Amino acid sequence: MNLVAPFWKNADRDPSRPALIVGRRQVSYDMLRGVADRVATRLDERGLVRGDRVTCSSRNVLVYVTTILASARLGAFRRRFAL
């Protein structure tokens, strides 16, 4: 099972439900999936392929989470990562 598979399952089940809460901001599964899909498209356009490694150094939780989801979408996500 992919580490982010539960996210996609929850996004399909209840897209309007909050997926991420950062301070007072709530981001729905649908919105987060949309952002992750756009990031995945950009990474794909730049040549990212399954097995590539992706790094993200960001204090912005939304950027970090969408990078993980987008990388997983393209098969470039590995289970070893630090929070």
Protein backbone atom coordinates (compact mmCIF):
# COMPACT_ATOMS: atom_id res chain seq x y z
CA MET A 1 0.00 0.00 0.00
CA ASN A 2 1.29 3.44 -0.92
CA LEU A 3 1.91 5.70 2.05
CA VAL A 4 -0.43 8.37 0.63
CA ALA A 5 -3.15 5.92 -0.51
CA PRO A 6 -5.37 6.79 2.49
CA PHE A 7 -5.34 10.42 1.35
CA TRP A 8 -6.64 9.54 -2.13
CA LYS A 9 -9.25 7.22 -0.60
CA ASN A 10 -10.51 9.96 1.74
CA ALA A 11 -10.45 12.50 -1.09
CA ASP A 12 -12.74 10.25 -3.12
CA ARG A 13 -15.03 9.49 -0.19
CA ASP A 14 -15.57 13.03 1.12
CA PRO A 15 -13.90 15.72 -1.02
CA SER A 16 -15.33 18.67 0.92
CA ARG A 17 -14.00 17.45 4.28
CA PRO A 18 -10.93 19.26 5.68
CA ALA A 19 -7.74 17.40 4.77
CA LEU A 20 -5.31 19.86 6.28
CA ILE A 21 -5.72 22.46 8.98
CA VAL A 22 -2.96 25.03 9.37
CA GLY A 23 -3.74 27.63 11.97
CA ARG A 24 -7.17 28.97 11.08
CA ARG A 25 -6.97 27.83 7.46
CA GLN A 26 -8.72 24.64 6.40
CA VAL A 27 -7.93 23.00 3.10
CA SER A 28 -10.43 20.45 1.76
CA TYR A 29 -9.41 17.14 0.23
CA ASP A 30 -10.73 18.37 -3.10
CA MET A 31 -8.68 21.57 -3.00
CA LEU A 32 -5.54 19.76 -1.84
CA ARG A 33 -5.96 17.11 -4.54
CA GLY A 34 -6.35 19.86 -7.15
CA VAL A 35 -3.17 21.63 -6.05
CA ALA A 36 -1.26 18.32 -5.88
CA ASP A 37 -2.46 17.39 -9.37
CA ARG A 38 -1.27 20.75 -10.77
CA VAL A 39 2.12 20.32 -9.07
CA ALA A 40 2.35 16.75 -10.43
CA THR A 41 1.62 18.07 -13.93
CA ARG A 42 4.42 20.64 -13.61
CA LEU A 43 6.87 18.03 -12.29
CA ASP A 44 5.90 15.70 -15.14
CA GLU A 45 6.44 18.47 -17.68
CA ARG A 46 9.91 18.96 -16.24
CA GLY A 47 10.75 15.29 -16.68
CA LEU A 48 10.14 13.73 -13.26
CA VAL A 49 9.61 9.97 -13.62
CA ARG A 50 8.98 6.97 -11.40
CA GLY A 51 12.02 6.27 -9.24
CA ASP A 52 13.34 9.84 -9.29
CA ARG A 53 14.02 11.49 -5.97
CA VAL A 54 12.33 14.69 -4.91
CA THR A 55 13.27 16.93 -2.04
CA CYS A 56 11.29 19.73 -0.51
CA SER A 57 12.58 22.05 2.16
CA SER A 58 9.74 24.28 3.20
CA ARG A 59 8.27 25.69 6.37
CA ASN A 60 5.00 26.02 4.51
CA VAL A 61 3.01 22.89 5.39
CA LEU A 62 0.80 23.18 2.31
CA VAL A 63 3.83 23.26 -0.01
CA TYR A 64 5.41 20.30 1.77
CA VAL A 65 2.26 18.15 1.71
CA THR A 66 1.41 18.94 -1.91
CA THR A 67 4.98 18.11 -2.96
CA ILE A 68 4.69 14.69 -1.28
CA LEU A 69 1.30 14.03 -2.89
CA ALA A 70 2.42 15.20 -6.33
CA SER A 71 5.59 13.11 -6.14
CA ALA A 72 3.59 10.07 -5.09
CA ARG A 73 1.22 10.64 -8.00
CA LEU A 74 4.22 10.29 -10.35
CA GLY A 75 5.82 7.39 -8.45
CA ALA A 76 8.77 9.47 -7.24
CA PHE A 77 7.86 9.36 -3.55
CA ARG A 78 9.90 7.23 -1.19
CA ARG A 79 8.92 6.21 2.29
CA ARG A 80 12.03 7.68 3.88
CA PHE A 81 11.38 11.30 4.70
CA ALA A 82 11.71 13.65 7.63
CA LEU A 83 9.08 15.92 9.04
